[in-house]
Amino acid sequence: MLLPDTAVNDLDDGIFKYFRQKEIESKRLSEDFVSCKNEQLPNKLKLTKGGKITRVGVLLFHDSSENFCTGGLC
């Protein structure tokens, strides 16, 4: 599901930094893969569709992701 009113700029820089740190530490993703601008990372992770961020992307990177959960969709 896409969230058309939410842009990558609405996502939390601190969460991006934490995500990169944990992915590099765990070696699930390489430093080369995650070393890109915040605007590029959701696309590389397949969390965008048609240039719009998906619900999963918002739940992962937004500091108030609970505001985007409705009903049983979380």
N, C-alpha and C. Protein backbone atom coordinates (compact mmCIF):
# COMPACT_ATOMS: atom_id res chain seq x y z
N MET A 1 0.84 -1.17 0.00
CA MET A 1 0.00 0.00 0.00
C MET A 1 0.89 1.24 0.00
N LEU A 2 0.57 2.20 -0.84
CA LEU A 2 1.32 3.43 -0.94
C LEU A 2 0.71 4.51 -0.05
N LEU A 3 1.55 5.39 0.42
CA LEU A 3 1.10 6.52 1.21
C LEU A 3 1.46 7.78 0.42
N PRO A 4 0.57 8.22 -0.45
CA PRO A 4 0.90 9.30 -1.39
C PRO A 4 1.22 10.64 -0.74
N ASP A 5 0.78 10.89 0.47
CA ASP A 5 1.04 12.16 1.12
C ASP A 5 2.31 12.14 1.98
N THR A 6 3.07 11.07 1.90
CA THR A 6 4.28 10.93 2.70
C THR A 6 5.48 10.84 1.77
N ALA A 7 6.48 11.66 2.04
CA ALA A 7 7.70 11.67 1.24
C ALA A 7 8.88 11.21 2.08
N VAL A 8 9.97 10.86 1.42
CA VAL A 8 11.16 10.43 2.13
C VAL A 8 11.64 11.52 3.09
N ASN A 9 11.45 12.77 2.74
CA ASN A 9 11.85 13.87 3.63
C ASN A 9 11.08 13.86 4.95
N ASP A 10 9.93 13.18 5.00
CA ASP A 10 9.13 13.08 6.23
C ASP A 10 9.68 12.01 7.18
N LEU A 11 10.60 11.20 6.69
CA LEU A 11 11.14 10.11 7.49
C LEU A 11 12.26 10.61 8.39
N ASP A 12 12.59 9.84 9.41
CA ASP A 12 13.50 10.26 10.46
C ASP A 12 14.97 9.96 10.13
N ASP A 13 15.79 11.00 10.08
CA ASP A 13 17.23 10.83 9.78
C ASP A 13 17.91 9.92 10.79
N GLY A 14 17.55 10.03 12.06
CA GLY A 14 18.15 9.20 13.10
C GLY A 14 17.85 7.72 12.90
N ILE A 15 16.66 7.42 12.42
CA ILE A 15 16.29 6.02 12.17
C ILE A 15 17.07 5.48 10.98
N PHE A 16 17.27 6.30 9.96
CA PHE A 16 18.12 5.88 8.83
C PHE A 16 19.53 5.56 9.32
N LYS A 17 20.08 6.43 10.16
CA LYS A 17 21.43 6.22 10.69
C LYS A 17 21.51 4.93 11.50
N TYR A 18 20.52 4.71 12.38
CA TYR A 18 20.47 3.51 13.20
C TYR A 18 20.36 2.26 12.32
N PHE A 19 19.49 2.32 11.31
CA PHE A 19 19.31 1.20 10.40
C PHE A 19 20.63 0.85 9.71
N ARG A 20 21.31 1.87 9.20
CA ARG A 20 22.60 1.63 8.52
C ARG A 20 23.60 0.98 9.47
N GLN A 21 23.71 1.51 10.67
CA GLN A 21 24.64 0.98 11.66
C GLN A 21 24.36 -0.50 11.95
N LYS A 22 23.10 -0.81 12.21
CA LYS A 22 22.75 -2.19 12.55
C LYS A 22 22.93 -3.15 11.37
N GLU A 23 22.63 -2.70 10.17
CA GLU A 23 22.80 -3.55 9.00
C GLU A 23 24.28 -3.83 8.74
N ILE A 24 25.12 -2.84 8.92
CA ILE A 24 26.56 -3.04 8.72
C ILE A 24 27.12 -3.95 9.81
N GLU A 25 26.72 -3.73 11.06
CA GLU A 25 27.18 -4.57 12.17
C GLU A 25 26.79 -6.03 11.96
N SER A 26 25.56 -6.26 11.50
CA SER A 26 25.07 -7.63 11.34
C SER A 26 25.55 -8.28 10.04
N LYS A 27 26.09 -7.46 9.14
CA LYS A 27 26.58 -7.91 7.83
C LYS A 27 25.47 -8.46 6.94
N ARG A 28 24.23 -8.05 7.21
CA ARG A 28 23.12 -8.43 6.33
C ARG A 28 23.20 -7.65 5.03
N LEU A 29 23.57 -6.37 5.15
CA LEU A 29 23.76 -5.52 3.97
C LEU A 29 25.15 -4.92 4.05
N SER A 30 25.76 -4.72 2.91
CA SER A 30 27.12 -4.17 2.89
C SER A 30 27.09 -2.67 3.14
N GLU A 31 28.22 -2.15 3.58
CA GLU A 31 28.35 -0.72 3.79
C GLU A 31 28.17 0.03 2.47
N ASP A 32 28.66 -0.56 1.39
CA ASP A 32 28.47 0.05 0.07
C ASP A 32 26.99 0.18 -0.28
N PHE A 33 26.20 -0.83 0.05
CA PHE A 33 24.78 -0.82 -0.28
C PHE A 33 24.03 0.27 0.49
N VAL A 34 24.31 0.41 1.77
CA VAL A 34 23.55 1.36 2.59
C VAL A 34 24.16 2.76 2.62
N SER A 35 25.34 2.92 2.04
CA SER A 35 26.00 4.24 2.02
C SER A 35 25.49 5.05 0.84
N CYS A 36 24.32 5.57 0.99
CA CYS A 36 23.69 6.41 -0.03
C CYS A 36 22.84 7.44 0.70
N LYS A 37 22.30 8.37 -0.03
CA LYS A 37 21.44 9.38 0.58
C LYS A 37 20.15 8.73 1.08
N ASN A 38 19.57 9.35 2.11
CA ASN A 38 18.30 8.84 2.65
C ASN A 38 17.25 8.71 1.57
N GLU A 39 17.25 9.64 0.62
CA GLU A 39 16.25 9.63 -0.45
C GLU A 39 16.38 8.39 -1.34
N GLN A 40 17.58 7.80 -1.39
CA GLN A 40 17.83 6.66 -2.26
C GLN A 40 17.63 5.31 -1.56
N LEU A 41 17.84 5.28 -0.25
CA LEU A 41 17.81 4.00 0.47
C LEU A 41 16.46 3.28 0.38
N PRO A 42 15.32 3.93 0.60
CA PRO A 42 14.06 3.18 0.47
C PRO A 42 13.86 2.56 -0.92
N ASN A 43 14.30 3.26 -1.94
CA ASN A 43 14.19 2.71 -3.29
C ASN A 43 15.08 1.48 -3.45
N LYS A 44 16.30 1.55 -2.94
CA LYS A 44 17.22 0.41 -3.01
C LYS A 44 16.68 -0.80 -2.25
N LEU A 45 15.92 -0.52 -1.18
CA LEU A 45 15.34 -1.59 -0.35
C LEU A 45 13.98 -2.05 -0.88
N LYS A 46 13.57 -1.50 -2.03
CA LYS A 46 12.28 -1.83 -2.66
C LYS A 46 11.10 -1.42 -1.78
N LEU A 47 11.25 -0.26 -1.12
CA LEU A 47 10.20 0.27 -0.25
C LEU A 47 9.47 1.44 -0.90
N THR A 48 9.63 1.57 -2.20
CA THR A 48 8.92 2.59 -2.95
C THR A 48 8.30 1.94 -4.17
N LYS A 49 7.30 2.60 -4.67
CA LYS A 49 6.64 2.13 -5.89
C LYS A 49 6.19 3.38 -6.65
N GLY A 50 6.66 3.53 -7.87
CA GLY A 50 6.31 4.71 -8.64
C GLY A 50 6.74 6.00 -7.99
N GLY A 51 7.86 5.96 -7.25
CA GLY A 51 8.36 7.15 -6.59
C GLY A 51 7.69 7.48 -5.27
N LYS A 52 6.74 6.68 -4.85
CA LYS A 52 6.03 6.91 -3.58
C LYS A 52 6.46 5.87 -2.56
N ILE A 53 6.55 6.30 -1.31
CA ILE A 53 6.96 5.40 -0.23
C ILE A 53 5.82 4.46 0.13
N THR A 54 6.14 3.22 0.43
CA THR A 54 5.12 2.24 0.82
C THR A 54 4.87 2.31 2.33
N ARG A 55 3.80 1.69 2.74
CA ARG A 55 3.48 1.64 4.17
C ARG A 55 4.62 0.99 4.95
N VAL A 56 5.22 -0.05 4.40
CA VAL A 56 6.32 -0.73 5.08
C VAL A 56 7.49 0.24 5.28
N GLY A 57 7.78 1.06 4.26
CA GLY A 57 8.85 2.04 4.39
C GLY A 57 8.57 3.04 5.49
N VAL A 58 7.34 3.49 5.59
CA VAL A 58 6.96 4.44 6.64
C VAL A 58 7.04 3.77 8.00
N LEU A 59 6.56 2.54 8.11
CA LEU A 59 6.63 1.85 9.39
C LEU A 59 8.06 1.63 9.84
N LEU A 60 8.96 1.45 8.90
CA LEU A 60 10.36 1.22 9.23
C LEU A 60 11.10 2.50 9.59
N PHE A 61 10.86 3.58 8.86
CA PHE A 61 11.69 4.77 8.97
C PHE A 61 11.01 6.03 9.53
N HIS A 62 9.75 6.00 9.84
CA HIS A 62 9.08 7.19 10.36
C HIS A 62 9.10 7.17 11.88
N ASP A 63 9.33 8.33 12.50
CA ASP A 63 9.42 8.36 13.96
C ASP A 63 8.06 8.25 14.64
N SER A 64 6.97 8.44 13.90
CA SER A 64 5.62 8.27 14.45
C SER A 64 4.84 7.27 13.60
N SER A 65 5.45 6.14 13.36
CA SER A 65 4.84 5.16 12.45
C SER A 65 3.49 4.65 12.94
N GLU A 66 3.24 4.72 14.24
CA GLU A 66 1.95 4.25 14.75
C GLU A 66 0.79 5.06 14.20
N ASN A 67 1.06 6.27 13.74
CA ASN A 67 0.00 7.10 13.14
C ASN A 67 -0.43 6.60 11.78
N PHE A 68 0.31 5.69 11.20
CA PHE A 68 0.02 5.19 9.88
C PHE A 68 -0.60 3.79 9.92
N CYS A 69 -0.83 3.27 11.10
CA CYS A 69 -1.44 1.94 11.26
C CYS A 69 -2.94 2.11 11.44
N THR A 70 -3.68 1.39 10.65
CA THR A 70 -5.13 1.43 10.80
C THR A 70 -5.67 0.02 10.90
N GLY A 71 -6.58 -0.20 11.79
CA GLY A 71 -7.19 -1.51 11.93
C GLY A 71 -6.16 -2.59 12.17
N GLY A 72 -6.30 -3.69 11.45
CA GLY A 72 -5.41 -4.83 11.59
C GLY A 72 -4.25 -4.81 10.63
N LEU A 73 -3.91 -3.66 10.07
CA LEU A 73 -2.86 -3.60 9.06
C LEU A 73 -1.46 -3.48 9.63
N CYS A 74 -1.31 -3.47 10.94
CA CYS A 74 0.04 -3.35 11.52
C CYS A 74 0.59 -4.69 11.92
